[in-house]
């Protein structure tokens, strides 16, 4: 899943996530919005055939959006690596 950084000012982060759909982005949005340090998180799909979706994150004052998204990615990897089928 290639990820392109579109904007990062410390408190706000905008990422373009190539080749992913609503399921992946909904998982990120849901977990981010449940986090106490997040003010707002959402994704925007754009045109389904032309645009890759973008994930937007804004954190509370004094928090770091890049660190928060990195921690979340590690948590998701841990959750899926512990999955037993």
PDB file of N, CA and C in Angstrom:
ATOM      1  N   UNK A   1       0.841  -1.165   0.000  1.00  0.00           N
ATOM      2  CA  UNK A   1       0.000   0.000   0.000  1.00  0.00           C
ATOM      3  C   UNK A   1       0.896   1.241   0.000  1.00  0.00           C
ATOM      4  N   UNK A   2       1.170   1.802  -1.162  1.00  0.00           N
ATOM      5  CA  UNK A   2       1.959   3.037  -1.216  1.00  0.00           C
ATOM      6  C   UNK A   2       1.184   4.203  -0.608  1.00  0.00           C
ATOM      7  N   UNK A   3       1.887   4.998   0.187  1.00  0.00           N
ATOM      8  CA  UNK A   3       1.287   6.163   0.843  1.00  0.00           C
ATOM      9  C   UNK A   3       2.100   7.383   0.462  1.00  0.00           C
ATOM     10  N   UNK A   4       1.408   8.415   0.017  1.00  0.00           N
ATOM     11  CA  UNK A   4       2.066   9.672  -0.361  1.00  0.00           C
ATOM     12  C   UNK A   4       1.655  10.754   0.633  1.00  0.00           C
ATOM     13  N   UNK A   5       2.640  11.421   1.206  1.00  0.00           N
ATOM     14  CA  UNK A   5       2.395  12.518   2.132  1.00  0.00           C
ATOM     15  C   UNK A   5       2.043  13.769   1.329  1.00  0.00           C
ATOM     16  N   UNK A   6       0.856  14.307   1.564  1.00  0.00           N
ATOM     17  CA  UNK A   6       0.413  15.509   0.858  1.00  0.00           C
ATOM     18  C   UNK A   6       0.606  16.768   1.690  1.00  0.00           C
ATOM     19  N   UNK A   7       0.432  16.644   3.007  1.00  0.00           N
ATOM     20  CA  UNK A   7       0.591  17.805   3.891  1.00  0.00           C
ATOM     21  C   UNK A   7       0.872  17.323   5.304  1.00  0.00           C
ATOM     22  N   UNK A   8       1.762  18.056   5.985  1.00  0.00           N
ATOM     23  CA  UNK A   8       2.080  17.736   7.377  1.00  0.00           C
ATOM     24  C   UNK A   8       2.575  19.008   8.051  1.00  0.00           C
ATOM     25  N   UNK A   9       1.759  19.536   8.970  1.00  0.00           N
ATOM     26  CA  UNK A   9       2.215  20.713   9.709  1.00  0.00           C
ATOM     27  C   UNK A   9       2.338  20.408  11.205  1.00  0.00           C
ATOM     28  N   UNK A  10       2.441  19.128  11.534  1.00  0.00           N
ATOM     29  CA  UNK A  10       2.575  18.728  12.928  1.00  0.00           C
ATOM     30  C   UNK A  10       1.247  18.343  13.540  1.00  0.00           C
ATOM     31  N   UNK A  11       0.285  19.257  13.470  1.00  0.00           N
ATOM     32  CA  UNK A  11      -1.033  19.005  14.044  1.00  0.00           C
ATOM     33  C   UNK A  11      -1.992  18.384  13.024  1.00  0.00           C
ATOM     34  N   UNK A  12      -1.757  18.632  11.745  1.00  0.00           N
ATOM     35  CA  UNK A  12      -2.617  18.108  10.684  1.00  0.00           C
ATOM     36  C   UNK A  12      -1.787  17.305   9.697  1.00  0.00           C
ATOM     37  N   UNK A  13      -2.415  16.256   9.194  1.00  0.00           N
ATOM     38  CA  UNK A  13      -1.730  15.340   8.282  1.00  0.00           C
ATOM     39  C   UNK A  13      -2.706  14.950   7.179  1.00  0.00           C
ATOM     40  N   UNK A  14      -2.238  14.972   5.940  1.00  0.00           N
ATOM     41  CA  UNK A  14      -3.055  14.553   4.807  1.00  0.00           C
ATOM     42  C   UNK A  14      -2.239  13.555   3.987  1.00  0.00           C
ATOM     43  N   UNK A  15      -2.791  12.362   3.803  1.00  0.00           N
ATOM     44  CA  UNK A  15      -2.106  11.278   3.108  1.00  0.00           C
ATOM     45  C   UNK A  15      -2.941  10.795   1.939  1.00  0.00           C
ATOM     46  N   UNK A  16      -2.293  10.462   0.831  1.00  0.00           N
ATOM     47  CA  UNK A  16      -2.961   9.786  -0.278  1.00  0.00           C
ATOM     48  C   UNK A  16      -2.552   8.319  -0.200  1.00  0.00           C
ATOM     49  N   UNK A  17      -3.536   7.447  -0.121  1.00  0.00           N
ATOM     50  CA  UNK A  17      -3.284   6.023   0.040  1.00  0.00           C
ATOM     51  C   UNK A  17      -3.659   5.333  -1.257  1.00  0.00           C
ATOM     52  N   UNK A  18      -2.658   4.892  -1.985  1.00  0.00           N
ATOM     53  CA  UNK A  18      -2.858   4.365  -3.324  1.00  0.00           C
ATOM     54  C   UNK A  18      -3.325   2.912  -3.302  1.00  0.00           C
ATOM     55  N   UNK A  19      -4.326   2.630  -4.137  1.00  0.00           N
ATOM     56  CA  UNK A  19      -4.770   1.261  -4.333  1.00  0.00           C
ATOM     57  C   UNK A  19      -5.645   0.694  -3.235  1.00  0.00           C
ATOM     58  N   UNK A  20      -6.116   1.515  -2.323  1.00  0.00           N
ATOM     59  CA  UNK A  20      -6.959   1.027  -1.222  1.00  0.00           C
ATOM     60  C   UNK A  20      -8.380   1.536  -1.393  1.00  0.00           C
ATOM     61  N   UNK A  21      -9.301   0.854  -0.751  1.00  0.00           N
ATOM     62  CA  UNK A  21     -10.709   1.213  -0.850  1.00  0.00           C
ATOM     63  C   UNK A  21     -11.279   1.650   0.475  1.00  0.00           C
ATOM     64  N   UNK A  22     -12.594   1.712   0.507  1.00  0.00           N
ATOM     65  CA  UNK A  22     -13.298   2.205   1.691  1.00  0.00           C
ATOM     66  C   UNK A  22     -13.055   1.358   2.934  1.00  0.00           C
ATOM     67  N   UNK A  23     -12.905   0.047   2.789  1.00  0.00           N
ATOM     68  CA  UNK A  23     -12.750  -0.825   3.965  1.00  0.00           C
ATOM     69  C   UNK A  23     -11.505  -0.458   4.764  1.00  0.00           C
ATOM     70  N   UNK A  24     -10.387  -0.304   4.081  1.00  0.00           N
ATOM     71  CA  UNK A  24      -9.134   0.043   4.756  1.00  0.00           C
ATOM     72  C   UNK A  24      -9.228   1.420   5.390  1.00  0.00           C
ATOM     73  N   UNK A  25      -9.724   2.375   4.621  1.00  0.00           N
ATOM     74  CA  UNK A  25      -9.803   3.745   5.120  1.00  0.00           C
ATOM     75  C   UNK A  25     -10.812   3.887   6.250  1.00  0.00           C
ATOM     76  N   UNK A  26     -11.888   3.120   6.197  1.00  0.00           N
ATOM     77  CA  UNK A  26     -12.860   3.153   7.292  1.00  0.00           C
ATOM     78  C   UNK A  26     -12.237   2.632   8.588  1.00  0.00           C
ATOM     79  N   UNK A  27     -11.391   1.607   8.482  1.00  0.00           N
ATOM     80  CA  UNK A  27     -10.716   1.087   9.666  1.00  0.00           C
ATOM     81  C   UNK A  27      -9.823   2.172  10.288  1.00  0.00           C
ATOM     82  N   UNK A  28      -9.062   2.877   9.453  1.00  0.00           N
ATOM     83  CA  UNK A  28      -8.219   3.967   9.953  1.00  0.00           C
ATOM     84  C   UNK A  28      -9.078   5.069  10.574  1.00  0.00           C
ATOM     85  N   UNK A  29     -10.115   5.489   9.869  1.00  0.00           N
ATOM     86  CA  UNK A  29     -10.955   6.584  10.366  1.00  0.00           C
ATOM     87  C   UNK A  29     -11.607   6.218  11.699  1.00  0.00           C
ATOM     88  N   UNK A  30     -12.127   5.016  11.779  1.00  0.00           N
ATOM     89  CA  UNK A  30     -12.788   4.574  13.003  1.00  0.00           C
ATOM     90  C   UNK A  30     -11.830   4.561  14.188  1.00  0.00           C
ATOM     91  N   UNK A  31     -10.665   3.979  13.999  1.00  0.00           N
ATOM     92  CA  UNK A  31      -9.687   3.910  15.097  1.00  0.00           C
ATOM     93  C   UNK A  31      -9.150   5.287  15.465  1.00  0.00           C
ATOM     94  N   UNK A  32      -8.939   6.126  14.461  1.00  0.00           N
ATOM     95  CA  UNK A  32      -8.453   7.473  14.751  1.00  0.00           C
ATOM     96  C   UNK A  32      -9.490   8.276  15.534  1.00  0.00           C
ATOM     97  N   UNK A  33     -10.741   8.219  15.124  1.00  0.00           N
ATOM     98  CA  UNK A  33     -11.778   8.995  15.813  1.00  0.00           C
ATOM     99  C   UNK A  33     -12.039   8.485  17.221  1.00  0.00           C
ATOM    100  N   UNK A  34     -11.676   7.242  17.513  1.00  0.00           N
ATOM    101  CA  UNK A  34     -11.797   6.710  18.876  1.00  0.00           C
ATOM    102  C   UNK A  34     -10.637   7.127  19.776  1.00  0.00           C
ATOM    103  N   UNK A  35      -9.569   7.635  19.179  1.00  0.00           N
ATOM    104  CA  UNK A  35      -8.380   8.017  19.950  1.00  0.00           C
ATOM    105  C   UNK A  35      -8.625   9.352  20.661  1.00  0.00           C
ATOM    106  N   UNK A  36      -8.273   9.452  21.933  1.00  0.00           N
ATOM    107  CA  UNK A  36      -8.554  10.687  22.689  1.00  0.00           C
ATOM    108  C   UNK A  36      -7.770  11.916  22.219  1.00  0.00           C
ATOM    109  N   UNK A  37      -6.665  11.736  21.498  1.00  0.00           N
ATOM    110  CA  UNK A  37      -5.865  12.874  21.045  1.00  0.00           C
ATOM    111  C   UNK A  37      -6.295  13.403  19.678  1.00  0.00           C
ATOM    112  N   UNK A  38      -7.288  12.784  19.069  1.00  0.00           N
ATOM    113  CA  UNK A  38      -7.723  13.176  17.722  1.00  0.00           C
ATOM    114  C   UNK A  38      -8.913  14.131  17.812  1.00  0.00           C
ATOM    115  N   UNK A  39      -8.787  15.266  17.109  1.00  0.00           N
ATOM    116  CA  UNK A  39      -9.907  16.206  16.993  1.00  0.00           C
ATOM    117  C   UNK A  39     -10.826  15.789  15.850  1.00  0.00           C
ATOM    118  N   UNK A  40     -10.215  15.339  14.741  1.00  0.00           N
ATOM    119  CA  UNK A  40     -10.999  15.032  13.542  1.00  0.00           C
ATOM    120  C   UNK A  40     -10.200  14.096  12.650  1.00  0.00           C
ATOM    121  N   UNK A  41     -10.879  13.102  12.104  1.00  0.00           N
ATOM    122  CA  UNK A  41     -10.269  12.214  11.116  1.00  0.00           C
ATOM    123  C   UNK A  41     -11.346  11.815  10.113  1.00  0.00           C
ATOM    124  N   UNK A  42     -10.985  11.813   8.845  1.00  0.00           N
ATOM    125  CA  UNK A  42     -11.930  11.429   7.808  1.00  0.00           C
ATOM    126  C   UNK A  42     -11.152  11.041   6.560  1.00  0.00           C
ATOM    127  N   UNK A  43     -11.844  10.403   5.636  1.00  0.00           N
ATOM    128  CA  UNK A  43     -11.229  10.117   4.349  1.00  0.00           C
ATOM    129  C   UNK A  43     -12.143  10.591   3.238  1.00  0.00           C
ATOM    130  N   UNK A  44     -11.529  10.874   2.114  1.00  0.00           N
ATOM    131  CA  UNK A  44     -12.232  11.392   0.949  1.00  0.00           C
ATOM    132  C   UNK A  44     -11.845  10.531  -0.245  1.00  0.00           C
ATOM    133  N   UNK A  45     -12.846  10.000  -0.921  1.00  0.00           N
ATOM    134  CA  UNK A  45     -12.566   9.050  -2.001  1.00  0.00           C
ATOM    135  C   UNK A  45     -12.365   9.710  -3.354  1.00  0.00           C
ATOM    136  N   UNK A  46     -12.938  10.859  -3.600  1.00  0.00           N
ATOM    137  CA  UNK A  46     -12.836  11.483  -4.908  1.00  0.00           C
ATOM    138  C   UNK A  46     -13.562  10.636  -5.946  1.00  0.00           C
ATOM    139  N   UNK A  47     -13.125  10.718  -7.182  1.00  0.00           N
ATOM    140  CA  UNK A  47     -13.727   9.930  -8.264  1.00  0.00           C
ATOM    141  C   UNK A  47     -13.218   8.497  -8.174  1.00  0.00           C
ATOM    142  N   UNK A  48     -14.108   7.505  -8.190  1.00  0.00           N
ATOM    143  CA  UNK A  48     -13.683   6.117  -7.966  1.00  0.00           C
ATOM    144  C   UNK A  48     -12.716   5.562  -9.017  1.00  0.00           C
ATOM    145  N   UNK A  49     -12.779   6.071 -10.239  1.00  0.00           N
ATOM    146  CA  UNK A  49     -11.890   5.566 -11.293  1.00  0.00           C
ATOM    147  C   UNK A  49     -10.641   6.418 -11.504  1.00  0.00           C
ATOM    148  N   UNK A  50     -10.659   7.638 -10.999  1.00  0.00           N
ATOM    149  CA  UNK A  50      -9.572   8.565 -11.306  1.00  0.00           C
ATOM    150  C   UNK A  50      -8.686   8.933 -10.121  1.00  0.00           C
ATOM    151  N   UNK A  51      -9.252   8.903  -8.925  1.00  0.00           N
ATOM    152  CA  UNK A  51      -8.532   9.419  -7.756  1.00  0.00           C
ATOM    153  C   UNK A  51      -8.265   8.331  -6.730  1.00  0.00           C
ATOM    154  N   UNK A  52      -7.085   8.391  -6.129  1.00  0.00           N
ATOM    155  CA  UNK A  52      -6.811   7.561  -4.963  1.00  0.00           C
ATOM    156  C   UNK A  52      -7.374   8.280  -3.743  1.00  0.00           C
ATOM    157  N   UNK A  53      -7.865   7.528  -2.764  1.00  0.00           N
ATOM    158  CA  UNK A  53      -8.448   8.167  -1.582  1.00  0.00           C
ATOM    159  C   UNK A  53      -7.410   8.886  -0.734  1.00  0.00           C
ATOM    160  N   UNK A  54      -7.887   9.876   0.010  1.00  0.00           N
ATOM    161  CA  UNK A  54      -7.023  10.655   0.893  1.00  0.00           C
ATOM    162  C   UNK A  54      -7.547  10.566   2.319  1.00  0.00           C
ATOM    163  N   UNK A  55      -6.622  10.442   3.259  1.00  0.00           N
ATOM    164  CA  UNK A  55      -6.938  10.388   4.677  1.00  0.00           C
ATOM    165  C   UNK A  55      -6.480  11.694   5.314  1.00  0.00           C
ATOM    166  N   UNK A  56      -7.366  12.321   6.076  1.00  0.00           N
ATOM    167  CA  UNK A  56      -7.063  13.589   6.737  1.00  0.00           C
ATOM    168  C   UNK A  56      -7.155  13.383   8.248  1.00  0.00           C
ATOM    169  N   UNK A  57      -6.185  13.917   8.965  1.00  0.00           N
ATOM    170  CA  UNK A  57      -6.119  13.774  10.410  1.00  0.00           C
ATOM    171  C   UNK A  57      -5.733  15.106  11.045  1.00  0.00           C
ATOM    172  N   UNK A  58      -6.476  15.508  12.088  1.00  0.00           N
ATOM    173  CA  UNK A  58      -6.129  16.688  12.884  1.00  0.00           C
ATOM    174  C   UNK A  58      -6.140  16.253  14.346  1.00  0.00           C
ATOM    175  N   UNK A  59      -5.046  16.549  15.044  1.00  0.00           N
ATOM    176  CA  UNK A  59      -4.917  16.158  16.449  1.00  0.00           C
ATOM    177  C   UNK A  59      -5.038  17.386  17.350  1.00  0.00           C
ATOM    178  N   UNK A  60      -5.198  17.134  18.640  1.00  0.00           N
ATOM    179  CA  UNK A  60      -5.319  18.210  19.620  1.00  0.00           C
ATOM    180  C   UNK A  60      -3.990  18.930  19.795  1.00  0.00           C
ATOM    181  N   UNK A  61      -4.064  20.142  20.315  1.00  0.00           N
ATOM    182  CA  UNK A  61      -2.863  20.944  20.556  1.00  0.00           C
ATOM    183  C   UNK A  61      -1.856  20.174  21.403  1.00  0.00           C
ATOM    184  N   UNK A  62      -0.592  20.269  21.011  1.00  0.00           N
ATOM    185  CA  UNK A  62       0.473  19.611  21.761  1.00  0.00           C
ATOM    186  C   UNK A  62       0.720  18.169  21.350  1.00  0.00           C
ATOM    187  N   UNK A  63      -0.094  17.631  20.444  1.00  0.00           N
ATOM    188  CA  UNK A  63       0.069  16.255  19.981  1.00  0.00           C
ATOM    189  C   UNK A  63       0.652  16.266  18.581  1.00  0.00           C
ATOM    190  N   UNK A  64       1.232  15.145  18.175  1.00  0.00           N
ATOM    191  CA  UNK A  64       1.895  15.043  16.878  1.00  0.00           C
ATOM    192  C   UNK A  64       1.145  14.047  15.993  1.00  0.00           C
ATOM    193  N   UNK A  65       0.625  14.528  14.866  1.00  0.00           N
ATOM    194  CA  UNK A  65      -0.167  13.690  13.967  1.00  0.00           C
ATOM    195  C   UNK A  65       0.660  12.561  13.355  1.00  0.00           C
ATOM    196  N   UNK A  66       1.903  12.833  12.986  1.00  0.00           N
ATOM    197  CA  UNK A  66       2.754  11.789  12.383  1.00  0.00           C
ATOM    198  C   UNK A  66       3.009  10.656  13.363  1.00  0.00           C
ATOM    199  N   UNK A  67       3.301  10.993  14.588  1.00  0.00           N
ATOM    200  CA  UNK A  67       3.541   9.965  15.603  1.00  0.00           C
ATOM    201  C   UNK A  67       2.276   9.152  15.851  1.00  0.00           C
ATOM    202  N   UNK A  68       1.149   9.832  15.920  1.00  0.00           N
ATOM    203  CA  UNK A  68      -0.106   9.142  16.181  1.00  0.00           C
ATOM    204  C   UNK A  68      -0.439   8.151  15.058  1.00  0.00           C
ATOM    205  N   UNK A  69      -0.276   8.553  13.799  1.00  0.00           N
ATOM    206  CA  UNK A  69      -0.589   7.649  12.691  1.00  0.00           C
ATOM    207  C   UNK A  69       0.412   6.496  12.638  1.00  0.00           C
ATOM    208  N   UNK A  70       1.667   6.740  12.975  1.00  0.00           N
ATOM    209  CA  UNK A  70       2.668   5.667  13.023  1.00  0.00           C
ATOM    210  C   UNK A  70       2.329   4.656  14.105  1.00  0.00           C
ATOM    211  N   UNK A  71       1.937   5.153  15.269  1.00  0.00           N
ATOM    212  CA  UNK A  71       1.537   4.261  16.363  1.00  0.00           C
ATOM    213  C   UNK A  71       0.311   3.441  15.981  1.00  0.00           C
ATOM    214  N   UNK A  72      -0.635   4.068  15.307  1.00  0.00           N
ATOM    215  CA  UNK A  72      -1.836   3.370  14.878  1.00  0.00           C
ATOM    216  C   UNK A  72      -1.499   2.270  13.869  1.00  0.00           C
ATOM    217  N   UNK A  73      -0.610   2.563  12.933  1.00  0.00           N
ATOM    218  CA  UNK A  73      -0.207   1.552  11.949  1.00  0.00           C
ATOM    219  C   UNK A  73       0.438   0.350  12.642  1.00  0.00           C
ATOM    220  N   UNK A  74       1.287   0.600  13.618  1.00  0.00           N
ATOM    221  CA  UNK A  74       1.899  -0.503  14.372  1.00  0.00           C
ATOM    222  C   UNK A  74       0.833  -1.326  15.096  1.00  0.00           C
ATOM    223  N   UNK A  75      -0.157  -0.662  15.655  1.00  0.00           N
ATOM    224  CA  UNK A  75      -1.237  -1.352  16.358  1.00  0.00           C
ATOM    225  C   UNK A  75      -2.044  -2.229  15.399  1.00  0.00           C
ATOM    226  N   UNK A  76      -2.313  -1.725  14.218  1.00  0.00           N
ATOM    227  CA  UNK A  76      -3.064  -2.501  13.220  1.00  0.00           C
ATOM    228  C   UNK A  76      -2.256  -3.710  12.768  1.00  0.00           C
ATOM    229  N   UNK A  77      -0.965  -3.520  12.528  1.00  0.00           N
ATOM    230  CA  UNK A  77      -0.103  -4.639  12.140  1.00  0.00           C
ATOM    231  C   UNK A  77      -0.099  -5.702  13.232  1.00  0.00           C
ATOM    232  N   UNK A  78       0.017  -5.283  14.489  1.00  0.00           N
ATOM    233  CA  UNK A  78      -0.006  -6.231  15.620  1.00  0.00           C
ATOM    234  C   UNK A  78      -1.328  -6.995  15.659  1.00  0.00           C
ATOM    235  N   UNK A  79      -2.434  -6.275  15.466  1.00  0.00           N
ATOM    236  CA  UNK A  79      -3.747  -6.928  15.495  1.00  0.00           C
ATOM    237  C   UNK A  79      -3.862  -8.004  14.419  1.00  0.00           C
ATOM    238  N   UNK A  80      -3.400  -7.686  13.218  1.00  0.00           N
ATOM    239  CA  UNK A  80      -3.510  -8.650  12.132  1.00  0.00           C
ATOM    240  C   UNK A  80      -2.480  -9.764  12.216  1.00  0.00           C
ATOM    241  N   UNK A  81      -1.315  -9.498  12.792  1.00  0.00           N
ATOM    242  CA  UNK A  81      -0.310 -10.552  12.924  1.00  0.00           C
ATOM    243  C   UNK A  81      -0.706 -11.582  13.989  1.00  0.00           C
ATOM    244  N   UNK A  82      -1.556 -11.184  14.926  1.00  0.00           N
ATOM    245  CA  UNK A  82      -2.038 -12.087  15.959  1.00  0.00           C
ATOM    246  C   UNK A  82      -3.307 -12.828  15.556  1.00  0.00           C
ATOM    247  N   UNK A  83      -3.800 -12.560  14.365  1.00  0.00           N
ATOM    248  CA  UNK A  83      -5.018 -13.187  13.880  1.00  0.00           C
ATOM    249  C   UNK A  83      -4.787 -14.662  13.591  1.00  0.00           C
ATOM    250  N   UNK A  84      -5.653 -15.496  14.105  1.00  0.00           N
ATOM    251  CA  UNK A  84      -5.544 -16.932  13.885  1.00  0.00           C
ATOM    252  C   UNK A  84      -6.728 -17.375  13.018  1.00  0.00           C
ATOM    253  N   UNK A  85      -6.415 -18.124  11.985  1.00  0.00           N
ATOM    254  CA  UNK A  85      -7.462 -18.613  11.083  1.00  0.00           C
ATOM    255  C   UNK A  85      -7.512 -20.122  11.148  1.00  0.00           C
TER     256      UNK A  85
END
